[in-house]
Amino acid sequence: MSSRYTVKNIVCESGERLALLLDTSTGLPIFDVTVYIVAEVRGKNRSSATIEQVLRSLKVLLLFCDLRDISLDVRMQEGRL
């Protein structure tokens, strides 16, 4: 069984490394997760290994929500966290 999400490390032209959480069905980064990682985690000068660990934790959360049919977007919009 393959997972719906995967963590992938990319290397920018400058040599900087950045981990992203991708949706395996589209190959695209998960938008909200990417915004959070760039603004909150990477913005505090965390190492690429730390960012990768945060992404793996978010991956587990998203998989749990998928299994339980929980929409985090809807819950946040309604203020029900």
C-alpha atoms as a PDB file:
ATOM      1  CA  MET A   1       0.000   0.000   0.000  1.00  0.00           C
ATOM      2  CA  SER A   2       1.488   3.299  -1.027  1.00  0.00           C
ATOM      3  CA  SER A   3       0.961   6.443   0.991  1.00  0.00           C
ATOM      4  CA  ARG A   4      -0.957   9.431  -0.315  1.00  0.00           C
ATOM      5  CA  TYR A   5       1.799  11.783   0.896  1.00  0.00           C
ATOM      6  CA  THR A   6       5.561  11.739   0.644  1.00  0.00           C
ATOM      7  CA  VAL A   7       8.352  13.945   1.951  1.00  0.00           C
ATOM      8  CA  LYS A   8      10.852  14.965  -0.718  1.00  0.00           C
ATOM      9  CA  ASN A   9      14.040  16.984  -0.377  1.00  0.00           C
ATOM     10  CA  ILE A  10      14.829  19.432  -3.135  1.00  0.00           C
ATOM     11  CA  VAL A  11      18.059  21.315  -3.713  1.00  0.00           C
ATOM     12  CA  CYS A  12      17.776  24.856  -5.033  1.00  0.00           C
ATOM     13  CA  GLU A  13      20.256  26.338  -7.492  1.00  0.00           C
ATOM     14  CA  SER A  14      21.912  28.145  -4.588  1.00  0.00           C
ATOM     15  CA  GLY A  15      22.576  24.785  -2.922  1.00  0.00           C
ATOM     16  CA  GLU A  16      19.982  25.348  -0.216  1.00  0.00           C
ATOM     17  CA  ARG A  17      17.973  22.266   0.736  1.00  0.00           C
ATOM     18  CA  LEU A  18      14.239  22.333   1.365  1.00  0.00           C
ATOM     19  CA  ALA A  19      11.963  19.463   2.294  1.00  0.00           C
ATOM     20  CA  LEU A  20       8.401  19.462   0.934  1.00  0.00           C
ATOM     21  CA  LEU A  21       5.333  17.332   1.579  1.00  0.00           C
ATOM     22  CA  LEU A  22       3.944  16.156  -1.752  1.00  0.00           C
ATOM     23  CA  ASP A  23       0.610  14.654  -2.731  1.00  0.00           C
ATOM     24  CA  THR A  24       1.689  11.481  -4.547  1.00  0.00           C
ATOM     25  CA  SER A  25      -1.357  11.504  -6.841  1.00  0.00           C
ATOM     26  CA  THR A  26      -0.442  14.899  -8.337  1.00  0.00           C
ATOM     27  CA  GLY A  27       3.223  15.260  -7.443  1.00  0.00           C
ATOM     28  CA  LEU A  28       2.511  18.776  -6.155  1.00  0.00           C
ATOM     29  CA  PRO A  29       3.339  20.180  -2.722  1.00  0.00           C
ATOM     30  CA  ILE A  30       0.496  20.486  -0.210  1.00  0.00           C
ATOM     31  CA  PHE A  31      -0.114  24.257  -0.263  1.00  0.00           C
ATOM     32  CA  ASP A  32      -1.069  24.904   3.370  1.00  0.00           C
ATOM     33  CA  VAL A  33       1.742  22.729   4.686  1.00  0.00           C
ATOM     34  CA  THR A  34       4.282  24.458   2.427  1.00  0.00           C
ATOM     35  CA  VAL A  35       3.161  27.909   3.590  1.00  0.00           C
ATOM     36  CA  TYR A  36       3.440  26.803   7.227  1.00  0.00           C
ATOM     37  CA  ILE A  37       6.911  25.295   6.725  1.00  0.00           C
ATOM     38  CA  VAL A  38       8.285  28.342   4.916  1.00  0.00           C
ATOM     39  CA  ALA A  39       6.719  30.952   7.211  1.00  0.00           C
ATOM     40  CA  GLU A  40       6.923  29.313  10.623  1.00  0.00           C
ATOM     41  CA  VAL A  41       9.615  26.646  10.619  1.00  0.00           C
ATOM     42  CA  ARG A  42      12.135  27.689   7.995  1.00  0.00           C
ATOM     43  CA  GLY A  43      11.617  31.337   8.968  1.00  0.00           C
ATOM     44  CA  LYS A  44      13.053  30.515  12.411  1.00  0.00           C
ATOM     45  CA  ASN A  45      16.288  29.196  10.840  1.00  0.00           C
ATOM     46  CA  ARG A  46      15.573  25.536  11.610  1.00  0.00           C
ATOM     47  CA  SER A  47      17.784  22.922   9.992  1.00  0.00           C
ATOM     48  CA  SER A  48      16.629  20.927   6.984  1.00  0.00           C
ATOM     49  CA  ALA A  49      16.508  17.811   9.202  1.00  0.00           C
ATOM     50  CA  THR A  50      14.159  19.579  11.623  1.00  0.00           C
ATOM     51  CA  ILE A  51      11.936  20.714   8.770  1.00  0.00           C
ATOM     52  CA  GLU A  52      11.825  17.148   7.472  1.00  0.00           C
ATOM     53  CA  GLN A  53      10.765  15.842  10.899  1.00  0.00           C
ATOM     54  CA  VAL A  54       7.991  18.451  11.127  1.00  0.00           C
ATOM     55  CA  LEU A  55       6.781  17.397   7.678  1.00  0.00           C
ATOM     56  CA  ARG A  56       6.740  13.729   8.685  1.00  0.00           C
ATOM     57  CA  SER A  57       4.609  14.645  11.704  1.00  0.00           C
ATOM     58  CA  LEU A  58       2.218  16.626   9.515  1.00  0.00           C
ATOM     59  CA  LYS A  59       2.064  13.677   7.135  1.00  0.00           C
ATOM     60  CA  VAL A  60       0.861  11.446   9.991  1.00  0.00           C
ATOM     61  CA  LEU A  61      -1.751  14.055  10.955  1.00  0.00           C
ATOM     62  CA  LEU A  62      -3.043  14.314   7.379  1.00  0.00           C
ATOM     63  CA  LEU A  63      -3.195  10.516   7.001  1.00  0.00           C
ATOM     64  CA  PHE A  64      -5.177  10.280  10.256  1.00  0.00           C
ATOM     65  CA  CYS A  65      -7.580  12.968   9.050  1.00  0.00           C
ATOM     66  CA  ASP A  66      -7.996  11.175   5.718  1.00  0.00           C
ATOM     67  CA  LEU A  67      -8.833   7.887   7.471  1.00  0.00           C
ATOM     68  CA  ARG A  68     -11.400   9.587   9.720  1.00  0.00           C
ATOM     69  CA  ASP A  69     -12.872  11.809   6.963  1.00  0.00           C
ATOM     70  CA  ILE A  70     -11.865  14.943   8.862  1.00  0.00           C
ATOM     71  CA  SER A  71     -11.482  18.122   6.829  1.00  0.00           C
ATOM     72  CA  LEU A  72      -9.067  20.434   8.592  1.00  0.00           C
ATOM     73  CA  ASP A  73      -9.858  23.240   6.144  1.00  0.00           C
ATOM     74  CA  VAL A  74     -13.575  23.140   6.962  1.00  0.00           C
ATOM     75  CA  ARG A  75     -12.939  22.896  10.694  1.00  0.00           C
ATOM     76  CA  MET A  76     -10.602  25.894  10.644  1.00  0.00           C
ATOM     77  CA  GLN A  77     -13.063  27.953   8.607  1.00  0.00           C
ATOM     78  CA  GLU A  78     -15.819  27.123  11.093  1.00  0.00           C
ATOM     79  CA  GLY A  79     -13.535  27.719  14.084  1.00  0.00           C
ATOM     80  CA  ARG A  80     -13.918  24.098  15.289  1.00  0.00           C
ATOM     81  CA  LEU A  81     -10.434  22.886  16.102  1.00  0.00           C
END
